[in-house]
Amino acid sequence: YCAARMLATFGWPSQSTMLELLRDPVWQFVGAVLAVAALVATFVIYQLQRQRKALTYELVSKTHLLTVREELEGKLQVLYEGEPARSLSVLVLKLWNSGNQPLLASEYERPISFCLGKDARVLSADITNRAPSAVAVNMETQENRLVIEPTLLNPGDSITFKLLVRDV
């Protein structure tokens, strides 16, 4: 009783006034919104802390350097290093670890392989960017494929390739 009297003396609401205030629909709505926000925050925190491994690729650009149209096929011959080509294209391909866990070389089942089409032929392939620059990567081209040997990729690590491709 003394504590309630002190609260009333200092201008604080009594217990019955506080209960009436909490029964007000506005405060019930605020309580429901706060409960939903707490549930959403719990789900977001769970998703951020979940361990996941993911390897992602993106075709950054595809630039056609030369295309021989059907009308010109009988009249014009394009050669690249002595071999005929109907078209030449430059592809920029980015590969990165989009998860939040490292991808160890021992965790790959096989090398990463990008097949560029049945009629395509990879003429040259270069690594144009590594982030960080210490990322070690071995690659080779096989007819219509770019093959990348398994390598350690930490979260956020990326490798960018530039390919010159015939008839893609």
N, C-alpha and C. Protein backbone atom coordinates (compact mmCIF):
# COMPACT_ATOMS: atom_id res chain seq x y z
N TYR A 1 0.82 -1.18 0.00
CA TYR A 1 0.00 0.00 0.00
C TYR A 1 0.87 1.24 0.00
N CYS A 2 1.97 1.20 0.74
CA CYS A 2 2.88 2.33 0.82
C CYS A 2 3.50 2.65 -0.54
N ALA A 3 3.90 1.60 -1.25
CA ALA A 3 4.53 1.81 -2.55
C ALA A 3 3.53 2.41 -3.52
N ALA A 4 2.26 1.97 -3.49
CA ALA A 4 1.25 2.52 -4.38
C ALA A 4 0.98 3.97 -4.06
N ARG A 5 0.99 4.31 -2.76
CA ARG A 5 0.76 5.70 -2.36
C ARG A 5 1.91 6.58 -2.81
N MET A 6 3.18 6.06 -2.74
CA MET A 6 4.34 6.84 -3.19
C MET A 6 4.25 7.08 -4.70
N LEU A 7 3.82 6.06 -5.45
CA LEU A 7 3.69 6.22 -6.89
C LEU A 7 2.66 7.28 -7.22
N ALA A 8 1.54 7.27 -6.52
CA ALA A 8 0.50 8.26 -6.75
C ALA A 8 0.99 9.65 -6.37
N THR A 9 1.82 9.75 -5.34
CA THR A 9 2.34 11.03 -4.88
C THR A 9 3.26 11.64 -5.93
N PHE A 10 4.08 10.84 -6.59
CA PHE A 10 5.03 11.36 -7.58
C PHE A 10 4.40 11.53 -8.97
N GLY A 11 3.13 11.32 -9.11
CA GLY A 11 2.45 11.55 -10.37
C GLY A 11 2.45 10.34 -11.29
N TRP A 12 2.87 9.21 -10.83
CA TRP A 12 2.83 8.01 -11.65
C TRP A 12 1.45 7.41 -11.57
N PRO A 13 1.03 6.74 -12.64
CA PRO A 13 -0.32 6.18 -12.64
C PRO A 13 -0.43 5.02 -11.65
N SER A 14 -1.64 4.85 -11.13
CA SER A 14 -1.88 3.72 -10.23
C SER A 14 -2.01 2.44 -11.07
N GLN A 15 -2.09 1.32 -10.36
CA GLN A 15 -2.14 0.03 -11.05
C GLN A 15 -3.41 -0.09 -11.90
N SER A 16 -4.53 0.39 -11.39
CA SER A 16 -5.78 0.28 -12.15
C SER A 16 -5.73 1.19 -13.38
N THR A 17 -5.11 2.36 -13.27
CA THR A 17 -4.97 3.25 -14.42
C THR A 17 -4.05 2.61 -15.46
N MET A 18 -3.02 1.95 -15.01
CA MET A 18 -2.09 1.27 -15.92
C MET A 18 -2.78 0.14 -16.67
N LEU A 19 -3.62 -0.63 -16.00
CA LEU A 19 -4.37 -1.70 -16.66
C LEU A 19 -5.34 -1.15 -17.69
N GLU A 20 -5.99 -0.05 -17.37
CA GLU A 20 -6.89 0.58 -18.34
C GLU A 20 -6.12 1.05 -19.57
N LEU A 21 -4.95 1.60 -19.35
CA LEU A 21 -4.12 2.08 -20.45
C LEU A 21 -3.71 0.92 -21.36
N LEU A 22 -3.33 -0.22 -20.78
CA LEU A 22 -2.91 -1.37 -21.57
C LEU A 22 -4.08 -2.04 -22.30
N ARG A 23 -5.31 -1.83 -21.84
CA ARG A 23 -6.50 -2.38 -22.51
C ARG A 23 -6.91 -1.52 -23.71
N ASP A 24 -6.32 -0.39 -23.84
CA ASP A 24 -6.63 0.51 -24.95
C ASP A 24 -6.23 -0.17 -26.27
N PRO A 25 -7.08 -0.17 -27.31
CA PRO A 25 -6.77 -0.85 -28.58
C PRO A 25 -5.47 -0.36 -29.24
N VAL A 26 -5.14 0.89 -29.05
CA VAL A 26 -3.90 1.41 -29.65
C VAL A 26 -2.70 0.67 -29.06
N TRP A 27 -2.68 0.49 -27.75
CA TRP A 27 -1.55 -0.19 -27.11
C TRP A 27 -1.55 -1.68 -27.43
N GLN A 28 -2.73 -2.26 -27.62
CA GLN A 28 -2.80 -3.67 -28.02
C GLN A 28 -2.20 -3.83 -29.42
N PHE A 29 -2.50 -2.87 -30.32
CA PHE A 29 -1.93 -2.90 -31.66
C PHE A 29 -0.41 -2.76 -31.60
N VAL A 30 0.08 -1.85 -30.78
CA VAL A 30 1.52 -1.65 -30.63
C VAL A 30 2.17 -2.94 -30.11
N GLY A 31 1.54 -3.59 -29.17
CA GLY A 31 2.06 -4.85 -28.64
C GLY A 31 2.12 -5.94 -29.71
N ALA A 32 1.08 -6.01 -30.54
CA ALA A 32 1.06 -7.02 -31.62
C ALA A 32 2.15 -6.73 -32.64
N VAL A 33 2.35 -5.46 -32.99
CA VAL A 33 3.40 -5.09 -33.95
C VAL A 33 4.77 -5.45 -33.38
N LEU A 34 4.99 -5.16 -32.10
CA LEU A 34 6.27 -5.50 -31.47
C LEU A 34 6.49 -7.02 -31.45
N ALA A 35 5.45 -7.79 -31.23
CA ALA A 35 5.59 -9.25 -31.23
C ALA A 35 5.96 -9.76 -32.62
N VAL A 36 5.33 -9.23 -33.66
CA VAL A 36 5.66 -9.63 -35.04
C VAL A 36 7.09 -9.22 -35.37
N ALA A 37 7.48 -8.01 -34.96
CA ALA A 37 8.85 -7.55 -35.22
C ALA A 37 9.87 -8.46 -34.53
N ALA A 38 9.56 -8.92 -33.33
CA ALA A 38 10.46 -9.83 -32.62
C ALA A 38 10.59 -11.16 -33.36
N LEU A 39 9.48 -11.67 -33.90
CA LEU A 39 9.53 -12.91 -34.67
C LEU A 39 10.35 -12.75 -35.94
N VAL A 40 10.17 -11.64 -36.64
CA VAL A 40 10.93 -11.38 -37.87
C VAL A 40 12.41 -11.25 -37.53
N ALA A 41 12.74 -10.52 -36.48
CA ALA A 41 14.14 -10.36 -36.09
C ALA A 41 14.77 -11.71 -35.74
N THR A 42 14.03 -12.58 -35.08
CA THR A 42 14.54 -13.90 -34.75
C THR A 42 14.85 -14.70 -36.01
N PHE A 43 13.94 -14.65 -36.99
CA PHE A 43 14.15 -15.37 -38.25
C PHE A 43 15.35 -14.81 -39.02
N VAL A 44 15.48 -13.50 -39.08
CA VAL A 44 16.60 -12.87 -39.80
C VAL A 44 17.93 -13.23 -39.15
N ILE A 45 18.00 -13.18 -37.85
CA ILE A 45 19.23 -13.53 -37.14
C ILE A 45 19.59 -15.00 -37.37
N TYR A 46 18.59 -15.86 -37.37
CA TYR A 46 18.83 -17.28 -37.66
C TYR A 46 19.42 -17.45 -39.06
N GLN A 47 18.84 -16.79 -40.05
CA GLN A 47 19.32 -16.91 -41.43
C GLN A 47 20.75 -16.40 -41.57
N LEU A 48 21.07 -15.32 -40.88
CA LEU A 48 22.42 -14.76 -40.98
C LEU A 48 23.46 -15.65 -40.31
N GLN A 49 23.07 -16.36 -39.26
CA GLN A 49 24.02 -17.20 -38.53
C GLN A 49 24.12 -18.61 -39.09
N ARG A 50 23.21 -18.98 -39.95
CA ARG A 50 23.21 -20.33 -40.52
C ARG A 50 24.45 -20.53 -41.39
N GLN A 51 25.10 -21.65 -41.23
CA GLN A 51 26.30 -21.95 -42.01
C GLN A 51 25.88 -22.49 -43.37
N ARG A 52 26.36 -21.84 -44.43
CA ARG A 52 26.05 -22.34 -45.76
C ARG A 52 27.24 -22.17 -46.69
N LYS A 53 27.37 -23.15 -47.56
CA LYS A 53 28.42 -23.15 -48.57
C LYS A 53 27.74 -22.97 -49.91
N ALA A 54 28.23 -22.01 -50.69
CA ALA A 54 27.61 -21.75 -51.99
C ALA A 54 28.66 -21.20 -52.95
N LEU A 55 28.64 -21.74 -54.15
CA LEU A 55 29.51 -21.28 -55.21
C LEU A 55 28.60 -20.73 -56.31
N THR A 56 28.84 -19.48 -56.71
CA THR A 56 27.97 -18.80 -57.65
C THR A 56 28.78 -18.33 -58.85
N TYR A 57 28.15 -18.33 -60.02
CA TYR A 57 28.82 -17.77 -61.20
C TYR A 57 27.89 -16.77 -61.86
N GLU A 58 28.49 -15.87 -62.62
CA GLU A 58 27.72 -14.86 -63.35
C GLU A 58 28.40 -14.60 -64.68
N LEU A 59 27.62 -14.55 -65.74
CA LEU A 59 28.12 -14.12 -67.03
C LEU A 59 28.05 -12.60 -67.00
N VAL A 60 29.19 -11.97 -66.75
CA VAL A 60 29.24 -10.52 -66.58
C VAL A 60 28.95 -9.82 -67.90
N SER A 61 29.56 -10.30 -68.98
CA SER A 61 29.29 -9.69 -70.29
C SER A 61 29.56 -10.69 -71.40
N LYS A 62 28.86 -10.45 -72.51
CA LYS A 62 29.07 -11.24 -73.73
C LYS A 62 29.10 -10.22 -74.86
N THR A 63 30.28 -10.08 -75.46
CA THR A 63 30.46 -9.10 -76.52
C THR A 63 30.78 -9.83 -77.82
N HIS A 64 29.96 -9.60 -78.82
CA HIS A 64 30.22 -10.18 -80.13
C HIS A 64 31.23 -9.29 -80.87
N LEU A 65 32.39 -9.84 -81.16
CA LEU A 65 33.40 -9.08 -81.89
C LEU A 65 33.12 -9.10 -83.38
N LEU A 66 32.69 -10.24 -83.85
CA LEU A 66 32.45 -10.40 -85.28
C LEU A 66 31.40 -11.47 -85.48
N THR A 67 30.43 -11.16 -86.34
CA THR A 67 29.41 -12.14 -86.69
C THR A 67 29.24 -12.10 -88.20
N VAL A 68 29.37 -13.24 -88.84
CA VAL A 68 29.17 -13.33 -90.28
C VAL A 68 27.72 -13.73 -90.49
N ARG A 69 26.95 -12.83 -91.08
CA ARG A 69 25.53 -13.11 -91.32
C ARG A 69 25.37 -14.09 -92.46
N GLU A 70 24.21 -14.71 -92.49
CA GLU A 70 23.94 -15.73 -93.50
C GLU A 70 24.12 -15.20 -94.92
N GLU A 71 23.79 -13.91 -95.14
CA GLU A 71 23.90 -13.36 -96.48
C GLU A 71 25.36 -13.31 -96.95
N LEU A 72 26.28 -13.17 -96.02
CA LEU A 72 27.69 -13.02 -96.38
C LEU A 72 28.48 -14.32 -96.29
N GLU A 73 27.87 -15.38 -95.81
CA GLU A 73 28.62 -16.62 -95.57
C GLU A 73 29.32 -17.14 -96.81
N GLY A 74 28.71 -17.02 -97.97
CA GLY A 74 29.34 -17.52 -99.18
C GLY A 74 30.38 -16.56 -99.75
N LYS A 75 30.38 -15.30 -99.31
CA LYS A 75 31.25 -14.28 -99.88
C LYS A 75 32.41 -13.89 -98.98
N LEU A 76 32.28 -14.12 -97.68
CA LEU A 76 33.29 -13.67 -96.73
C LEU A 76 33.75 -14.84 -95.88
N GLN A 77 35.06 -14.94 -95.69
CA GLN A 77 35.60 -16.00 -94.84
C GLN A 77 36.42 -15.34 -93.74
N VAL A 78 36.10 -15.70 -92.48
CA VAL A 78 36.83 -15.17 -91.33
C VAL A 78 37.69 -16.28 -90.77
N LEU A 79 38.96 -15.99 -90.58
CA LEU A 79 39.90 -16.96 -90.01
C LEU A 79 40.46 -16.41 -88.71
N TYR A 80 40.59 -17.29 -87.73
CA TYR A 80 41.29 -16.95 -86.49
C TYR A 80 42.40 -17.98 -86.33
N GLU A 81 43.63 -17.53 -86.36
CA GLU A 81 44.80 -18.40 -86.32
C GLU A 81 44.68 -19.53 -87.34
N GLY A 82 44.22 -19.17 -88.54
CA GLY A 82 44.16 -20.12 -89.64
C GLY A 82 42.92 -20.99 -89.68
N GLU A 83 42.04 -20.88 -88.68
CA GLU A 83 40.83 -21.70 -88.65
C GLU A 83 39.61 -20.84 -88.94
N PRO A 84 38.67 -21.33 -89.75
CA PRO A 84 37.47 -20.55 -90.05
C PRO A 84 36.57 -20.37 -88.83
N ALA A 85 35.95 -19.19 -88.75
CA ALA A 85 35.03 -18.89 -87.65
C ALA A 85 33.86 -18.08 -88.19
N ARG A 86 32.64 -18.47 -87.81
CA ARG A 86 31.47 -17.69 -88.21
C ARG A 86 31.28 -16.49 -87.30
N SER A 87 31.73 -16.61 -86.06
CA SER A 87 31.62 -15.49 -85.13
C SER A 87 32.70 -15.60 -84.06
N LEU A 88 33.07 -14.45 -83.52
CA LEU A 88 34.01 -14.39 -82.39
C LEU A 88 33.36 -13.57 -81.29
N SER A 89 33.45 -14.06 -80.06
CA SER A 89 32.84 -13.37 -78.92
C SER A 89 33.80 -13.37 -77.75
N VAL A 90 33.69 -12.34 -76.93
CA VAL A 90 34.43 -12.27 -75.68
C VAL A 90 33.42 -12.43 -74.55
N LEU A 91 33.66 -13.42 -73.70
CA LEU A 91 32.81 -13.66 -72.54
C LEU A 91 33.60 -13.32 -71.28
N VAL A 92 32.97 -12.61 -70.37
CA VAL A 92 33.56 -12.35 -69.06
C VAL A 92 32.71 -13.09 -68.04
N LEU A 93 33.35 -13.99 -67.32
CA LEU A 93 32.68 -14.90 -66.40
C LEU A 93 33.27 -14.71 -65.01
N LYS A 94 32.41 -14.54 -64.01
CA LYS A 94 32.87 -14.36 -62.63
C LYS A 94 32.38 -15.53 -61.79
N LEU A 95 33.27 -16.07 -60.97
CA LEU A 95 32.98 -17.19 -60.08
C LEU A 95 33.34 -16.76 -58.67
N TRP A 96 32.43 -16.94 -57.69
CA TRP A 96 32.77 -16.53 -56.33
C TRP A 96 32.05 -17.38 -55.29
N ASN A 97 32.63 -17.36 -54.08
CA ASN A 97 32.05 -18.05 -52.93
C ASN A 97 31.02 -17.11 -52.33
N SER A 98 29.74 -17.41 -52.55
CA SER A 98 28.67 -16.56 -52.04
C SER A 98 28.12 -17.04 -50.70
N GLY A 99 28.71 -18.08 -50.15
CA GLY A 99 28.29 -18.57 -48.84
C GLY A 99 29.03 -17.85 -47.72
N ASN A 100 28.86 -18.37 -46.51
CA ASN A 100 29.57 -17.77 -45.37
C ASN A 100 30.57 -18.75 -44.74
N GLN A 101 30.90 -19.81 -45.48
CA GLN A 101 31.89 -20.79 -45.05
C GLN A 101 32.91 -21.00 -46.16
N PRO A 102 34.16 -21.32 -45.83
CA PRO A 102 35.15 -21.58 -46.88
C PRO A 102 34.81 -22.85 -47.67
N LEU A 103 35.14 -22.82 -48.97
CA LEU A 103 35.02 -24.00 -49.82
C LEU A 103 36.41 -24.57 -50.00
N LEU A 104 36.66 -25.72 -49.38
CA LEU A 104 37.98 -26.34 -49.45
C LEU A 104 38.12 -27.12 -50.76
N ALA A 105 39.34 -27.20 -51.26
CA ALA A 105 39.59 -27.93 -52.51
C ALA A 105 39.18 -29.39 -52.37
N SER A 106 39.30 -29.96 -51.19
CA SER A 106 38.95 -31.37 -50.98
C SER A 106 37.44 -31.61 -50.97
N GLU A 107 36.64 -30.56 -50.90
CA GLU A 107 35.19 -30.72 -50.83
C GLU A 107 34.51 -30.78 -52.21
N TYR A 108 35.24 -30.50 -53.27
CA TYR A 108 34.68 -30.57 -54.61
C TYR A 108 34.63 -32.04 -55.06
N GLU A 109 33.57 -32.44 -55.72
CA GLU A 109 33.48 -33.79 -56.26
C GLU A 109 34.30 -33.93 -57.53
N ARG A 110 34.38 -32.86 -58.31
CA ARG A 110 35.11 -32.86 -59.57
C ARG A 110 35.45 -31.40 -59.92
N PRO A 111 36.28 -31.19 -60.92
CA PRO A 111 36.58 -29.81 -61.33
C PRO A 111 35.32 -29.08 -61.80
N ILE A 112 35.34 -27.77 -61.70
CA ILE A 112 34.24 -26.94 -62.17
C ILE A 112 34.40 -26.81 -63.68
N SER A 113 33.32 -27.04 -64.41
CA SER A 113 33.40 -27.04 -65.87
C SER A 113 32.25 -26.21 -66.44
N PHE A 114 32.59 -25.29 -67.34
CA PHE A 114 31.59 -24.49 -68.04
C PHE A 114 31.59 -24.92 -69.50
N CYS A 115 30.48 -25.52 -69.95
CA CYS A 115 30.33 -25.93 -71.34
C CYS A 115 29.66 -24.77 -72.08
N LEU A 116 30.28 -24.32 -73.17
CA LEU A 116 29.82 -23.13 -73.87
C LEU A 116 28.98 -23.43 -75.11
N GLY A 117 28.64 -24.65 -75.33
CA GLY A 117 27.81 -25.01 -76.47
C GLY A 117 28.48 -26.03 -77.35
N LYS A 118 27.67 -26.78 -78.08
CA LYS A 118 28.18 -27.88 -78.89
C LYS A 118 29.14 -27.41 -79.99
N ASP A 119 28.81 -26.31 -80.65
CA ASP A 119 29.63 -25.83 -81.76
C ASP A 119 30.71 -24.84 -81.34
N ALA A 120 30.70 -24.40 -80.09
CA ALA A 120 31.65 -23.38 -79.64
C ALA A 120 33.05 -23.97 -79.49
N ARG A 121 34.03 -23.09 -79.55
CA ARG A 121 35.41 -23.49 -79.31
C ARG A 121 36.09 -22.35 -78.56
N VAL A 122 36.67 -22.68 -77.40
CA VAL A 122 37.38 -21.69 -76.60
C VAL A 122 38.76 -21.50 -77.23
N LEU A 123 39.02 -20.28 -77.70
CA LEU A 123 40.29 -19.98 -78.36
C LEU A 123 41.35 -19.53 -77.37
N SER A 124 40.93 -18.77 -76.35
CA SER A 124 41.87 -18.37 -75.30
C SER A 124 41.08 -18.08 -74.03
N ALA A 125 41.77 -18.21 -72.91
CA ALA A 125 41.16 -17.94 -71.61
C ALA A 125 42.21 -17.31 -70.71
N ASP A 126 41.84 -16.24 -70.05
CA ASP A 126 42.73 -15.54 -69.12
C ASP A 126 41.99 -15.24 -67.84
N ILE A 127 42.74 -15.15 -66.76
CA ILE A 127 42.19 -14.70 -65.48
C ILE A 127 42.44 -13.20 -65.43
N THR A 128 41.38 -12.42 -65.36
CA THR A 128 41.52 -10.96 -65.36
C THR A 128 41.50 -10.36 -63.96
N ASN A 129 40.93 -11.08 -63.00
CA ASN A 129 40.87 -10.53 -61.64
C ASN A 129 40.74 -11.67 -60.64
N ARG A 130 41.43 -11.50 -59.53
CA ARG A 130 41.32 -12.40 -58.38
C ARG A 130 41.13 -11.53 -57.15
N ALA A 131 40.16 -11.86 -56.35
CA ALA A 131 39.94 -11.10 -55.12
C ALA A 131 39.80 -12.08 -53.97
N PRO A 132 40.76 -12.14 -53.08
CA PRO A 132 42.01 -11.39 -53.04
C PRO A 132 43.00 -11.91 -54.09
N SER A 133 44.05 -11.15 -54.31
CA SER A 133 45.00 -11.50 -55.37
C SER A 133 45.75 -12.80 -55.09
N ALA A 134 45.72 -13.28 -53.86
CA ALA A 134 46.43 -14.51 -53.50
C ALA A 134 45.65 -15.78 -53.83
N VAL A 135 44.44 -15.66 -54.35
CA VAL A 135 43.65 -16.84 -54.70
C VAL A 135 44.39 -17.61 -55.80
N ALA A 136 44.71 -18.86 -55.51
CA ALA A 136 45.41 -19.70 -56.47
C ALA A 136 44.39 -20.47 -57.29
N VAL A 137 44.56 -20.43 -58.62
CA VAL A 137 43.62 -21.14 -59.47
C VAL A 137 44.34 -21.68 -60.70
N ASN A 138 44.01 -22.92 -61.04
CA ASN A 138 44.50 -23.55 -62.26
C ASN A 138 43.31 -23.82 -63.16
N MET A 139 43.48 -23.49 -64.44
CA MET A 139 42.39 -23.71 -65.38
C MET A 139 42.96 -24.22 -66.68
N GLU A 140 42.09 -24.81 -67.47
CA GLU A 140 42.47 -25.25 -68.81
C GLU A 140 41.24 -25.17 -69.70
N THR A 141 41.49 -25.12 -71.00
CA THR A 141 40.39 -25.14 -71.95
C THR A 141 40.40 -26.48 -72.67
N GLN A 142 39.22 -26.99 -72.92
CA GLN A 142 39.05 -28.25 -73.65
C GLN A 142 37.96 -28.05 -74.69
N GLU A 143 38.37 -27.83 -75.94
CA GLU A 143 37.42 -27.65 -77.04
C GLU A 143 36.39 -26.57 -76.70
N ASN A 144 35.21 -26.99 -76.19
CA ASN A 144 34.14 -26.04 -75.90
C ASN A 144 33.92 -25.81 -74.40
N ARG A 145 34.95 -26.08 -73.59
CA ARG A 145 34.81 -25.98 -72.13
C ARG A 145 35.93 -25.17 -71.50
N LEU A 146 35.57 -24.54 -70.38
CA LEU A 146 36.56 -23.98 -69.47
C LEU A 146 36.50 -24.86 -68.23
N VAL A 147 37.63 -25.43 -67.84
CA VAL A 147 37.69 -26.33 -66.69
C VAL A 147 38.57 -25.69 -65.63
N ILE A 148 38.04 -25.57 -64.42
CA ILE A 148 38.74 -24.94 -63.30
C ILE A 148 38.99 -26.00 -62.24
N GLU A 149 40.23 -26.16 -61.87
CA GLU A 149 40.59 -27.15 -60.84
C GLU A 149 40.09 -26.68 -59.48
N PRO A 150 39.71 -27.61 -58.60
CA PRO A 150 39.26 -27.23 -57.26
C PRO A 150 40.33 -26.42 -56.52
N THR A 151 39.87 -25.38 -55.85
CA THR A 151 40.77 -24.51 -55.10
C THR A 151 40.05 -23.96 -53.88
N LEU A 152 40.80 -23.53 -52.89
CA LEU A 152 40.21 -22.94 -51.70
C LEU A 152 39.63 -21.58 -52.04
N LEU A 153 38.36 -21.39 -51.71
CA LEU A 153 37.70 -20.09 -51.86
C LEU A 153 37.05 -19.74 -50.52
N ASN A 154 37.54 -18.70 -49.90
CA ASN A 154 36.95 -18.22 -48.66
C ASN A 154 35.72 -17.38 -48.98
N PRO A 155 34.85 -17.13 -48.00
CA PRO A 155 33.65 -16.33 -48.28
C PRO A 155 34.03 -14.99 -48.93
N GLY A 156 33.37 -14.69 -50.04
CA GLY A 156 33.63 -13.44 -50.76
C GLY A 156 34.75 -13.51 -51.78
N ASP A 157 35.58 -14.55 -51.76
CA ASP A 157 36.66 -14.68 -52.75
C ASP A 157 36.05 -14.85 -54.13
N SER A 158 36.71 -14.25 -55.14
CA SER A 158 36.18 -14.36 -56.49
C SER A 158 37.30 -14.45 -57.52
N ILE A 159 36.95 -15.00 -58.68
CA ILE A 159 37.87 -15.12 -59.81
C ILE A 159 37.07 -14.69 -61.05
N THR A 160 37.68 -13.82 -61.86
CA THR A 160 37.04 -13.37 -63.09
C THR A 160 37.85 -13.84 -64.28
N PHE A 161 37.17 -14.44 -65.25
CA PHE A 161 37.82 -14.99 -66.45
C PHE A 161 37.34 -14.22 -67.68
N LYS A 162 38.25 -14.08 -68.65
CA LYS A 162 37.89 -13.53 -69.95
C LYS A 162 38.20 -14.59 -70.99
N LEU A 163 37.18 -14.95 -71.77
CA LEU A 163 37.29 -16.01 -72.77
C LEU A 163 37.07 -15.45 -74.16
N LEU A 164 37.89 -15.85 -75.08
CA LEU A 164 37.65 -15.59 -76.49
C LEU A 164 37.10 -16.87 -77.07
N VAL A 165 35.88 -16.81 -77.60
CA VAL A 165 35.17 -18.02 -78.02
C VAL A 165 34.72 -17.87 -79.47
N ARG A 166 34.90 -18.93 -80.22
CA ARG A 166 34.47 -18.99 -81.61
C ARG A 166 33.14 -19.71 -81.70
N ASP A 167 32.23 -19.19 -82.48
CA ASP A 167 30.94 -19.83 -82.78
C ASP A 167 30.11 -20.16 -81.55
N VAL A 168 30.04 -19.26 -80.60
CA VAL A 168 29.24 -19.49 -79.41
C VAL A 168 27.78 -19.11 -79.66
